[in-house]
Amino acid sequence: MSSAGSSARPTRNERREAAREKAREFREMQKRRNRRNKLLTRGGIIVAAVAVCALVLAIVLTSTRPPGPGPANMASDGIVLVGEGGVVKAVRNPGIPSGGKPTPSTPDNSGKVANIVVYADYQCPACKGFEMVNSETILNFVKSGAATLEIHPISALDNASAGTHYSSRATNAAACVANYSPDKFLDFNTLLFANQTPEGKAGLTNAQLKSYAAQAGATGVDSCIDTNQFKSWVQDATNRAFTGPLPNTDVKSIATTPTVLVNGTYYNDASLPKDKQRSIVNADEFRTFVLDATGASLNKANVTPTPTPTG
């Protein structure tokens, strides 16, 4: 007989029923957890799907968005440099509007001025060769007012810079200088060729491009270089150069870099017989071609030719 203060032990049936109740509660709790997990999973899938759709939409919009405006002072896809009081100045123009087409420059057809046009790639060794040998002669012509110089930087050699896309980045940097500090373009152009890296090696970094721009005296170009501001223009201008037609000449399109034209006549025409082809690294030959293309008026400029390097 048990004492008055004690409670009766649960019977076997009661214990079995309690266990069943706990099992039922556990099952209900598990069902609620499963339902919650399914909802979270479905929500996660939906969020992920929305994110993917947004990404795809952004890519589509980017690919179909009209190209941005080209750099100022390069309405022809090139920058025209002239001599004013013995100083080289860039011809100002608003550039190519968004989705627009280039406007050919207007050459001086007086017969007294040489219109020199150069299509060049900053990664191109032959372009550097032409620049190093003939730049001083051209500079003297331009400063004296005996010639104008139109430079078309293009990007054809991205695959020759160890994956750094230097050709495009350098062309964009040149466009940045043309846009923000056009009168410093020629100095920057000269520095890029003087510091050209060999084909197959990594090109100059953006930091180096900005440094050379500053050395040339250009200002306001850092963000433009870092953001590759004129990337779409670089691609379009390059395509136009290779597909043509080239303005102010019978030359249909460029086939090599550099392509050099004087008053619309192709200087380094590889289609000529071997004995008629002209050297891009012979300053005397190039100067003679300029004089012949323009007439005796250039002789009055008293321009001293740059000696051809030897060795």
C-alpha atoms as a PDB file:
ATOM      1  CA  MET A   1       0.000   0.000   0.000  1.00  0.00           C
ATOM      2  CA  SER A   2       1.493   3.290  -0.987  1.00  0.00           C
ATOM      3  CA  SER A   3       1.676   6.411   1.118  1.00  0.00           C
ATOM      4  CA  ALA A   4      -0.812   9.189   0.753  1.00  0.00           C
ATOM      5  CA  GLY A   5       1.817  11.639  -0.775  1.00  0.00           C
ATOM      6  CA  SER A   6       2.948   9.394  -3.663  1.00  0.00           C
ATOM      7  CA  SER A   7       1.448   9.335  -7.182  1.00  0.00           C
ATOM      8  CA  ALA A   8       0.533   6.250  -9.128  1.00  0.00           C
ATOM      9  CA  ARG A   9       3.045   5.062 -11.769  1.00  0.00           C
ATOM     10  CA  PRO A  10       1.736   5.369 -15.399  1.00  0.00           C
ATOM     11  CA  THR A  11       0.497   2.161 -16.765  1.00  0.00           C
ATOM     12  CA  ARG A  12       2.034   0.479 -19.798  1.00  0.00           C
ATOM     13  CA  ASN A  13      -0.819   1.678 -21.956  1.00  0.00           C
ATOM     14  CA  GLU A  14      -0.342   5.221 -20.738  1.00  0.00           C
ATOM     15  CA  ARG A  15       3.420   5.075 -21.477  1.00  0.00           C
ATOM     16  CA  ARG A  16       2.703   3.670 -24.936  1.00  0.00           C
ATOM     17  CA  GLU A  17       0.169   6.437 -25.614  1.00  0.00           C
ATOM     18  CA  ALA A  18       2.636   9.098 -24.443  1.00  0.00           C
ATOM     19  CA  ALA A  19       5.294   7.717 -26.765  1.00  0.00           C
ATOM     20  CA  ARG A  20       2.848   7.738 -29.645  1.00  0.00           C
ATOM     21  CA  GLU A  21       1.957  11.372 -28.875  1.00  0.00           C
ATOM     22  CA  LYS A  22       5.626  12.389 -28.881  1.00  0.00           C
ATOM     23  CA  ALA A  23       6.155  10.532 -32.125  1.00  0.00           C
ATOM     24  CA  ARG A  24       3.158  12.290 -33.626  1.00  0.00           C
ATOM     25  CA  GLU A  25       4.450  15.678 -32.439  1.00  0.00           C
ATOM     26  CA  PHE A  26       7.885  14.888 -33.884  1.00  0.00           C
ATOM     27  CA  ARG A  27       6.348  13.911 -37.214  1.00  0.00           C
ATOM     28  CA  GLU A  28       4.324  17.136 -37.306  1.00  0.00           C
ATOM     29  CA  MET A  29       7.402  19.159 -36.442  1.00  0.00           C
ATOM     30  CA  GLN A  30       9.370  17.396 -39.185  1.00  0.00           C
ATOM     31  CA  LYS A  31       6.593  18.015 -41.706  1.00  0.00           C
ATOM     32  CA  ARG A  32       6.575  21.722 -40.804  1.00  0.00           C
ATOM     33  CA  ARG A  33      10.387  21.818 -41.168  1.00  0.00           C
ATOM     34  CA  ASN A  34      10.225  20.073 -44.549  1.00  0.00           C
ATOM     35  CA  ARG A  35       7.561  22.495 -45.763  1.00  0.00           C
ATOM     36  CA  ARG A  36       9.676  25.452 -44.619  1.00  0.00           C
ATOM     37  CA  ASN A  37      12.784  24.070 -46.314  1.00  0.00           C
ATOM     38  CA  LYS A  38      10.861  23.533 -49.556  1.00  0.00           C
ATOM     39  CA  LEU A  39       9.633  27.107 -49.476  1.00  0.00           C
ATOM     40  CA  LEU A  40      13.145  28.398 -48.840  1.00  0.00           C
ATOM     41  CA  THR A  41      14.537  26.218 -51.616  1.00  0.00           C
ATOM     42  CA  ARG A  42      11.898  27.378 -54.046  1.00  0.00           C
ATOM     43  CA  GLY A  43      12.526  30.975 -53.005  1.00  0.00           C
ATOM     44  CA  GLY A  44      16.247  30.510 -53.527  1.00  0.00           C
ATOM     45  CA  ILE A  45      15.678  29.063 -56.967  1.00  0.00           C
ATOM     46  CA  ILE A  46      13.415  31.963 -57.842  1.00  0.00           C
ATOM     47  CA  VAL A  47      15.959  34.510 -56.584  1.00  0.00           C
ATOM     48  CA  ALA A  48      18.741  32.777 -58.505  1.00  0.00           C
ATOM     49  CA  ALA A  49      16.603  32.640 -61.630  1.00  0.00           C
ATOM     50  CA  VAL A  50      15.812  36.330 -61.322  1.00  0.00           C
ATOM     51  CA  ALA A  51      19.512  37.086 -60.902  1.00  0.00           C
ATOM     52  CA  VAL A  52      20.388  35.054 -63.989  1.00  0.00           C
ATOM     53  CA  CYS A  53      17.673  36.759 -65.998  1.00  0.00           C
ATOM     54  CA  ALA A  54      18.935  40.153 -64.874  1.00  0.00           C
ATOM     55  CA  LEU A  55      22.464  39.227 -65.912  1.00  0.00           C
ATOM     56  CA  VAL A  56      21.323  38.000 -69.318  1.00  0.00           C
ATOM     57  CA  LEU A  57      19.240  41.136 -69.790  1.00  0.00           C
ATOM     58  CA  ALA A  58      22.236  43.322 -68.920  1.00  0.00           C
ATOM     59  CA  ILE A  59      24.398  41.479 -71.439  1.00  0.00           C
ATOM     60  CA  VAL A  60      21.756  41.805 -74.137  1.00  0.00           C
ATOM     61  CA  LEU A  61      21.251  45.489 -73.440  1.00  0.00           C
ATOM     62  CA  THR A  62      24.994  46.084 -73.469  1.00  0.00           C
ATOM     63  CA  SER A  63      25.440  44.246 -76.758  1.00  0.00           C
ATOM     64  CA  THR A  64      22.542  46.056 -78.423  1.00  0.00           C
ATOM     65  CA  ARG A  65      23.229  49.497 -76.947  1.00  0.00           C
ATOM     66  CA  PRO A  66      24.337  52.009 -79.579  1.00  0.00           C
ATOM     67  CA  PRO A  67      28.074  52.729 -79.392  1.00  0.00           C
ATOM     68  CA  GLY A  68      29.027  55.770 -77.387  1.00  0.00           C
ATOM     69  CA  PRO A  69      30.321  58.932 -79.020  1.00  0.00           C
ATOM     70  CA  GLY A  70      33.842  58.870 -80.373  1.00  0.00           C
ATOM     71  CA  PRO A  71      36.607  61.033 -78.945  1.00  0.00           C
ATOM     72  CA  ALA A  72      36.451  64.743 -79.615  1.00  0.00           C
ATOM     73  CA  ASN A  73      38.835  66.032 -82.267  1.00  0.00           C
ATOM     74  CA  MET A  74      38.771  62.692 -84.105  1.00  0.00           C
ATOM     75  CA  ALA A  75      35.702  63.123 -86.311  1.00  0.00           C
ATOM     76  CA  SER A  76      37.525  61.368 -89.174  1.00  0.00           C
ATOM     77  CA  ASP A  77      38.668  58.506 -86.880  1.00  0.00           C
ATOM     78  CA  GLY A  78      42.001  60.331 -86.882  1.00  0.00           C
ATOM     79  CA  ILE A  79      43.382  63.507 -85.337  1.00  0.00           C
ATOM     80  CA  VAL A  80      44.628  66.246 -87.674  1.00  0.00           C
ATOM     81  CA  LEU A  81      47.714  68.159 -86.544  1.00  0.00           C
ATOM     82  CA  VAL A  82      48.813  71.451 -88.089  1.00  0.00           C
ATOM     83  CA  GLY A  83      51.530  74.010 -87.507  1.00  0.00           C
ATOM     84  CA  GLU A  84      50.642  77.365 -85.976  1.00  0.00           C
ATOM     85  CA  GLY A  85      53.511  79.761 -85.357  1.00  0.00           C
ATOM     86  CA  GLY A  86      55.993  76.927 -85.194  1.00  0.00           C
ATOM     87  CA  VAL A  87      53.875  74.972 -82.706  1.00  0.00           C
ATOM     88  CA  VAL A  88      51.891  71.809 -83.468  1.00  0.00           C
ATOM     89  CA  LYS A  89      48.176  72.169 -82.762  1.00  0.00           C
ATOM     90  CA  ALA A  90      45.250  69.766 -83.122  1.00  0.00           C
ATOM     91  CA  VAL A  91      42.293  70.706 -85.310  1.00  0.00           C
ATOM     92  CA  ARG A  92      39.211  70.849 -83.077  1.00  0.00           C
ATOM     93  CA  ASN A  93      35.960  69.077 -83.902  1.00  0.00           C
ATOM     94  CA  PRO A  94      33.164  67.475 -81.869  1.00  0.00           C
ATOM     95  CA  GLY A  95      34.006  63.885 -82.759  1.00  0.00           C
ATOM     96  CA  ILE A  96      31.678  61.174 -84.052  1.00  0.00           C
ATOM     97  CA  PRO A  97      28.215  61.267 -82.423  1.00  0.00           C
ATOM     98  CA  SER A  98      26.778  58.177 -80.785  1.00  0.00           C
ATOM     99  CA  GLY A  99      25.815  55.747 -83.534  1.00  0.00           C
ATOM    100  CA  GLY A 100      27.137  58.131 -86.175  1.00  0.00           C
ATOM    101  CA  LYS A 101      29.704  57.843 -88.938  1.00  0.00           C
ATOM    102  CA  PRO A 102      33.073  59.550 -89.338  1.00  0.00           C
ATOM    103  CA  THR A 103      33.414  62.779 -91.276  1.00  0.00           C
ATOM    104  CA  PRO A 104      36.444  62.805 -93.583  1.00  0.00           C
ATOM    105  CA  SER A 105      38.912  65.598 -92.956  1.00  0.00           C
ATOM    106  CA  THR A 106      39.245  68.275 -95.615  1.00  0.00           C
ATOM    107  CA  PRO A 107      42.726  68.135 -97.165  1.00  0.00           C
ATOM    108  CA  ASP A 108      44.596  71.201 -98.403  1.00  0.00           C
ATOM    109  CA  ASN A 109      44.438  70.851-102.168  1.00  0.00           C
ATOM    110  CA  SER A 110      46.449  73.974-102.927  1.00  0.00           C
ATOM    111  CA  GLY A 111      49.422  71.887-104.018  1.00  0.00           C
ATOM    112  CA  LYS A 112      51.564  73.725-101.491  1.00  0.00           C
ATOM    113  CA  VAL A 113      50.899  71.512 -98.473  1.00  0.00           C
ATOM    114  CA  ALA A 114      51.571  67.802 -97.985  1.00  0.00           C
ATOM    115  CA  ASN A 115      48.667  65.988 -96.353  1.00  0.00           C
ATOM    116  CA  ILE A 116      50.392  63.119 -94.524  1.00  0.00           C
ATOM    117  CA  VAL A 117      48.069  60.400 -93.189  1.00  0.00           C
ATOM    118  CA  VAL A 118      49.322  57.522 -91.033  1.00  0.00           C
ATOM    119  CA  TYR A 119      47.363  54.449 -89.881  1.00  0.00           C
ATOM    120  CA  ALA A 120      49.344  52.787 -87.096  1.00  0.00           C
ATOM    121  CA  ASP A 121      49.105  50.277 -84.245  1.00  0.00           C
ATOM    122  CA  TYR A 122      51.059  51.012 -81.065  1.00  0.00           C
ATOM    123  CA  GLN A 123      52.037  47.336 -80.788  1.00  0.00           C
ATOM    124  CA  CYS A 124      53.348  47.220 -84.370  1.00  0.00           C
ATOM    125  CA  PRO A 125      57.183  47.054 -84.688  1.00  0.00           C
ATOM    126  CA  ALA A 126      57.112  48.363 -88.257  1.00  0.00           C
ATOM    127  CA  CYS A 127      55.047  51.339 -87.074  1.00  0.00           C
ATOM    128  CA  LYS A 128      57.673  52.062 -84.453  1.00  0.00           C
ATOM    129  CA  GLY A 129      60.353  51.803 -87.138  1.00  0.00           C
ATOM    130  CA  PHE A 130      58.588  54.367 -89.306  1.00  0.00           C
ATOM    131  CA  GLU A 131      58.002  56.655 -86.329  1.00  0.00           C
ATOM    132  CA  MET A 132      61.555  56.527 -85.022  1.00  0.00           C
ATOM    133  CA  VAL A 133      63.094  57.253 -88.440  1.00  0.00           C
ATOM    134  CA  ASN A 134      60.654  59.790 -89.889  1.00  0.00           C
ATOM    135  CA  SER A 135      59.025  61.581 -86.953  1.00  0.00           C
ATOM    136  CA  GLU A 136      61.539  64.436 -86.866  1.00  0.00           C
ATOM    137  CA  THR A 137      61.205  65.064 -90.594  1.00  0.00           C
ATOM    138  CA  ILE A 138      57.409  65.058 -90.342  1.00  0.00           C
ATOM    139  CA  LEU A 139      57.520  67.311 -87.283  1.00  0.00           C
ATOM    140  CA  ASN A 140      59.624  69.858 -89.135  1.00  0.00           C
ATOM    141  CA  PHE A 141      57.266  69.768 -92.114  1.00  0.00           C
ATOM    142  CA  VAL A 142      54.234  70.319 -89.863  1.00  0.00           C
ATOM    143  CA  LYS A 143      55.809  73.055 -87.732  1.00  0.00           C
ATOM    144  CA  SER A 144      56.802  74.974 -90.859  1.00  0.00           C
ATOM    145  CA  GLY A 145      53.263  74.778 -92.232  1.00  0.00           C
ATOM    146  CA  ALA A 146      54.489  72.737 -95.194  1.00  0.00           C
ATOM    147  CA  ALA A 147      52.459  69.680 -94.153  1.00  0.00           C
ATOM    148  CA  THR A 148      49.548  68.501 -92.070  1.00  0.00           C
ATOM    149  CA  LEU A 149      49.639  65.186 -90.214  1.00  0.00           C
ATOM    150  CA  GLU A 150      46.573  63.013 -89.649  1.00  0.00           C
ATOM    151  CA  ILE A 151      47.163  60.069 -87.300  1.00  0.00           C
ATOM    152  CA  HIS A 152      44.712  57.161 -87.179  1.00  0.00           C
ATOM    153  CA  PRO A 153      45.545  54.884 -84.225  1.00  0.00           C
ATOM    154  CA  ILE A 154      44.023  51.428 -84.682  1.00  0.00           C
ATOM    155  CA  SER A 155      43.969  48.143 -82.811  1.00  0.00           C
ATOM    156  CA  ALA A 156      44.952  45.074 -84.822  1.00  0.00           C
ATOM    157  CA  LEU A 157      47.490  43.311 -82.600  1.00  0.00           C
ATOM    158  CA  ASP A 158      45.734  42.533 -79.319  1.00  0.00           C
ATOM    159  CA  ASN A 159      46.867  38.916 -79.687  1.00  0.00           C
ATOM    160  CA  ALA A 160      50.526  40.016 -79.628  1.00  0.00           C
ATOM    161  CA  SER A 161      50.639  41.339 -76.061  1.00  0.00           C
ATOM    162  CA  ALA A 162      50.441  38.219 -73.867  1.00  0.00           C
ATOM    163  CA  GLY A 163      46.731  38.570 -73.157  1.00  0.00           C
ATOM    164  CA  THR A 164      46.901  42.205 -71.985  1.00  0.00           C
ATOM    165  CA  HIS A 165      44.984  43.617 -74.997  1.00  0.00           C
ATOM    166  CA  TYR A 166      47.593  46.343 -75.187  1.00  0.00           C
ATOM    167  CA  SER A 167      46.815  47.392 -78.741  1.00  0.00           C
ATOM    168  CA  SER A 168      43.227  48.294 -77.823  1.00  0.00           C
ATOM    169  CA  ARG A 169      44.159  49.892 -74.512  1.00  0.00           C
ATOM    170  CA  ALA A 170      46.875  52.023 -76.090  1.00  0.00           C
ATOM    171  CA  THR A 171      44.530  53.152 -78.865  1.00  0.00           C
ATOM    172  CA  ASN A 172      41.920  54.030 -76.251  1.00  0.00           C
ATOM    173  CA  ALA A 173      44.563  55.972 -74.308  1.00  0.00           C
ATOM    174  CA  ALA A 174      45.474  57.906 -77.452  1.00  0.00           C
ATOM    175  CA  ALA A 175      41.794  58.683 -77.963  1.00  0.00           C
ATOM    176  CA  CYS A 176      41.604  59.906 -74.357  1.00  0.00           C
ATOM    177  CA  VAL A 177      44.471  62.319 -74.975  1.00  0.00           C
ATOM    178  CA  ALA A 178      42.854  63.493 -78.226  1.00  0.00           C
ATOM    179  CA  ASN A 179      39.612  64.106 -76.352  1.00  0.00           C
ATOM    180  CA  TYR A 180      40.942  65.870 -73.254  1.00  0.00           C
ATOM    181  CA  SER A 181      44.381  67.277 -74.231  1.00  0.00           C
ATOM    182  CA  PRO A 182      44.493  67.252 -78.050  1.00  0.00           C
ATOM    183  CA  ASP A 183      47.548  69.490 -78.406  1.00  0.00           C
ATOM    184  CA  LYS A 184      49.561  66.906 -76.435  1.00  0.00           C
ATOM    185  CA  PHE A 185      48.612  64.046 -78.753  1.00  0.00           C
ATOM    186  CA  LEU A 186      51.784  64.057 -80.858  1.00  0.00           C
ATOM    187  CA  ASP A 187      54.045  63.978 -77.796  1.00  0.00           C
ATOM    188  CA  PHE A 188      52.052  61.089 -76.339  1.00  0.00           C
ATOM    189  CA  ASN A 189      52.131  59.271 -79.669  1.00  0.00           C
ATOM    190  CA  THR A 190      55.925  59.610 -79.752  1.00  0.00           C
ATOM    191  CA  LEU A 191      56.294  58.318 -76.180  1.00  0.00           C
ATOM    192  CA  LEU A 192      54.169  55.236 -76.876  1.00  0.00           C
ATOM    193  CA  PHE A 193      56.343  54.213 -79.804  1.00  0.00           C
ATOM    194  CA  ALA A 194      59.577  55.031 -77.973  1.00  0.00           C
ATOM    195  CA  ASN A 195      58.496  52.758 -75.101  1.00  0.00           C
ATOM    196  CA  GLN A 196      56.855  50.017 -77.165  1.00  0.00           C
ATOM    197  CA  THR A 197      57.145  46.519 -75.703  1.00  0.00           C
ATOM    198  CA  PRO A 198      58.205  43.642 -78.002  1.00  0.00           C
ATOM    199  CA  GLU A 199      55.533  41.571 -79.707  1.00  0.00           C
ATOM    200  CA  GLY A 200      54.542  38.598 -77.580  1.00  0.00           C
ATOM    201  CA  LYS A 201      55.332  40.416 -74.334  1.00  0.00           C
ATOM    202  CA  ALA A 202      52.863  42.092 -72.000  1.00  0.00           C
ATOM    203  CA  GLY A 203      52.086  45.613 -73.126  1.00  0.00           C
ATOM    204  CA  LEU A 204      52.323  48.732 -71.019  1.00  0.00           C
ATOM    205  CA  THR A 205      50.017  48.783 -68.002  1.00  0.00           C
ATOM    206  CA  ASN A 206      47.302  51.384 -67.582  1.00  0.00           C
ATOM    207  CA  ALA A 207      49.446  52.979 -64.892  1.00  0.00           C
ATOM    208  CA  GLN A 208      52.289  53.307 -67.391  1.00  0.00           C
ATOM    209  CA  LEU A 209      49.949  54.704 -70.048  1.00  0.00           C
ATOM    210  CA  LYS A 210      48.761  57.334 -67.578  1.00  0.00           C
ATOM    211  CA  SER A 211      52.342  58.111 -66.632  1.00  0.00           C
ATOM    212  CA  TYR A 212      53.368  58.693 -70.254  1.00  0.00           C
ATOM    213  CA  ALA A 213      50.254  60.817 -70.811  1.00  0.00           C
ATOM    214  CA  ALA A 214      51.288  62.978 -67.871  1.00  0.00           C
ATOM    215  CA  GLN A 215      54.846  63.115 -69.211  1.00  0.00           C
ATOM    216  CA  ALA A 216      53.433  64.403 -72.514  1.00  0.00           C
ATOM    217  CA  GLY A 217      51.583  67.096 -70.608  1.00  0.00           C
ATOM    218  CA  ALA A 218      48.098  65.641 -71.019  1.00  0.00           C
ATOM    219  CA  THR A 219      45.601  66.167 -68.216  1.00  0.00           C
ATOM    220  CA  GLY A 220      42.200  64.744 -67.311  1.00  0.00           C
ATOM    221  CA  VAL A 221      42.796  61.359 -68.945  1.00  0.00           C
ATOM    222  CA  ASP A 222      43.285  58.958 -66.026  1.00  0.00           C
ATOM    223  CA  SER A 223      39.662  57.875 -65.600  1.00  0.00           C
ATOM    224  CA  CYS A 224      39.239  57.641 -69.373  1.00  0.00           C
ATOM    225  CA  ILE A 225      42.184  55.232 -69.568  1.00  0.00           C
ATOM    226  CA  ASP A 226      41.112  53.161 -66.563  1.00  0.00           C
ATOM    227  CA  THR A 227      37.516  52.754 -67.734  1.00  0.00           C
ATOM    228  CA  ASN A 228      38.477  52.129 -71.374  1.00  0.00           C
ATOM    229  CA  GLN A 229      36.047  54.935 -72.233  1.00  0.00           C
ATOM    230  CA  PHE A 230      36.402  54.709 -76.010  1.00  0.00           C
ATOM    231  CA  LYS A 231      36.481  50.913 -76.322  1.00  0.00           C
ATOM    232  CA  SER A 232      33.578  50.739 -78.776  1.00  0.00           C
ATOM    233  CA  TRP A 233      35.074  53.501 -80.914  1.00  0.00           C
ATOM    234  CA  VAL A 234      38.440  51.674 -81.008  1.00  0.00           C
ATOM    235  CA  GLN A 235      36.737  48.569 -82.397  1.00  0.00           C
ATOM    236  CA  ASP A 236      34.640  50.522 -84.900  1.00  0.00           C
ATOM    237  CA  ALA A 237      37.506  52.703 -86.138  1.00  0.00           C
ATOM    238  CA  THR A 238      39.711  49.645 -86.608  1.00  0.00           C
ATOM    239  CA  ASN A 239      36.988  47.841 -88.564  1.00  0.00           C
ATOM    240  CA  ARG A 240      36.454  50.881 -90.756  1.00  0.00           C
ATOM    241  CA  ALA A 241      40.167  51.121 -91.525  1.00  0.00           C
ATOM    242  CA  PHE A 242      40.351  47.486 -92.630  1.00  0.00           C
ATOM    243  CA  THR A 243      37.083  47.423 -94.552  1.00  0.00           C
ATOM    244  CA  GLY A 244      37.266  50.904 -96.069  1.00  0.00           C
ATOM    245  CA  PRO A 245      36.769  52.941 -98.028  1.00  0.00           C
ATOM    246  CA  LEU A 246      39.574  55.257 -96.929  1.00  0.00           C
ATOM    247  CA  PRO A 247      38.673  58.914 -97.512  1.00  0.00           C
ATOM    248  CA  ASN A 248      40.615  61.262 -99.798  1.00  0.00           C
ATOM    249  CA  THR A 249      42.441  58.463-101.605  1.00  0.00           C
ATOM    250  CA  ASP A 250      42.007  55.718-104.171  1.00  0.00           C
ATOM    251  CA  VAL A 251      43.374  53.220-101.617  1.00  0.00           C
ATOM    252  CA  LYS A 252      40.386  51.047-100.732  1.00  0.00           C
ATOM    253  CA  SER A 253      41.437  50.041 -97.222  1.00  0.00           C
ATOM    254  CA  ILE A 254      44.537  49.393 -95.189  1.00  0.00           C
ATOM    255  CA  ALA A 255      46.198  46.015 -95.608  1.00  0.00           C
ATOM    256  CA  THR A 256      49.110  46.491 -93.246  1.00  0.00           C
ATOM    257  CA  THR A 257      50.439  48.756 -90.528  1.00  0.00           C
ATOM    258  CA  PRO A 258      51.694  51.300 -90.900  1.00  0.00           C
ATOM    259  CA  THR A 259      49.782  52.537 -93.907  1.00  0.00           C
ATOM    260  CA  VAL A 260      51.207  55.901 -94.974  1.00  0.00           C
ATOM    261  CA  LEU A 261      49.545  58.208 -97.498  1.00  0.00           C
ATOM    262  CA  VAL A 262      50.788  61.532 -98.832  1.00  0.00           C
ATOM    263  CA  ASN A 263      48.195  63.619-100.676  1.00  0.00           C
ATOM    264  CA  GLY A 264      46.196  60.437-101.151  1.00  0.00           C
ATOM    265  CA  THR A 265      49.090  58.454-102.647  1.00  0.00           C
ATOM    266  CA  TYR A 266      50.149  55.230-100.921  1.00  0.00           C
ATOM    267  CA  TYR A 267      53.784  55.526 -99.803  1.00  0.00           C
ATOM    268  CA  ASN A 268      54.571  51.981 -98.650  1.00  0.00           C
ATOM    269  CA  ASP A 269      52.618  50.145-101.346  1.00  0.00           C
ATOM    270  CA  ALA A 270      53.584  46.469-101.088  1.00  0.00           C
ATOM    271  CA  SER A 271      51.752  45.725-104.337  1.00  0.00           C
ATOM    272  CA  LEU A 272      54.460  47.519-106.316  1.00  0.00           C
ATOM    273  CA  PRO A 273      57.331  45.529-107.874  1.00  0.00           C
ATOM    274  CA  LYS A 274      60.133  44.898-105.410  1.00  0.00           C
ATOM    275  CA  ASP A 275      62.406  47.458-107.018  1.00  0.00           C
ATOM    276  CA  LYS A 276      59.653  50.082-106.796  1.00  0.00           C
ATOM    277  CA  GLN A 277      58.685  49.566-103.160  1.00  0.00           C
ATOM    278  CA  ARG A 278      59.632  52.307-100.729  1.00  0.00           C
ATOM    279  CA  SER A 279      61.262  51.793 -97.354  1.00  0.00           C
ATOM    280  CA  ILE A 280      59.437  52.883 -94.219  1.00  0.00           C
ATOM    281  CA  VAL A 281      62.769  53.242 -92.408  1.00  0.00           C
ATOM    282  CA  ASN A 282      64.572  55.492 -94.861  1.00  0.00           C
ATOM    283  CA  ALA A 283      64.084  59.150 -93.968  1.00  0.00           C
ATOM    284  CA  ASP A 284      65.662  60.453 -97.172  1.00  0.00           C
ATOM    285  CA  GLU A 285      63.390  58.303 -99.315  1.00  0.00           C
ATOM    286  CA  PHE A 286      60.290  59.372 -97.429  1.00  0.00           C
ATOM    287  CA  ARG A 287      61.248  63.050 -97.562  1.00  0.00           C
ATOM    288  CA  THR A 288      61.824  62.812-101.311  1.00  0.00           C
ATOM    289  CA  PHE A 289      58.409  61.188-101.740  1.00  0.00           C
ATOM    290  CA  VAL A 290      56.756  64.008 -99.788  1.00  0.00           C
ATOM    291  CA  LEU A 291      58.533  66.625-101.893  1.00  0.00           C
ATOM    292  CA  ASP A 292      57.634  64.872-105.132  1.00  0.00           C
ATOM    293  CA  ALA A 293      54.002  64.495-104.063  1.00  0.00           C
ATOM    294  CA  THR A 294      53.645  68.149-103.238  1.00  0.00           C
ATOM    295  CA  GLY A 295      55.989  69.990-105.557  1.00  0.00           C
ATOM    296  CA  ALA A 296      58.891  72.331-105.134  1.00  0.00           C
ATOM    297  CA  SER A 297      57.021  74.560-102.665  1.00  0.00           C
ATOM    298  CA  LEU A 298      58.111  72.306 -99.799  1.00  0.00           C
ATOM    299  CA  ASN A 299      61.758  72.945-100.608  1.00  0.00           C
ATOM    300  CA  LYS A 300      61.207  76.492 -99.407  1.00  0.00           C
ATOM    301  CA  ALA A 301      60.456  75.144 -95.925  1.00  0.00           C
ATOM    302  CA  ASN A 302      64.184  74.622 -95.409  1.00  0.00           C
ATOM    303  CA  VAL A 303      63.513  71.288 -93.706  1.00  0.00           C
ATOM    304  CA  THR A 304      66.553  69.279 -92.759  1.00  0.00           C
ATOM    305  CA  PRO A 305      66.029  65.529 -93.305  1.00  0.00           C
ATOM    306  CA  THR A 306      66.591  63.154 -90.442  1.00  0.00           C
ATOM    307  CA  PRO A 307      69.629  60.923 -91.052  1.00  0.00           C
ATOM    308  CA  THR A 308      68.804  57.266 -91.591  1.00  0.00           C
ATOM    309  CA  PRO A 309      70.131  55.206 -88.641  1.00  0.00           C
ATOM    310  CA  THR A 310      72.861  52.723 -89.414  1.00  0.00           C
ATOM    311  CA  GLY A 311      73.879  49.539 -87.688  1.00  0.00           C
END
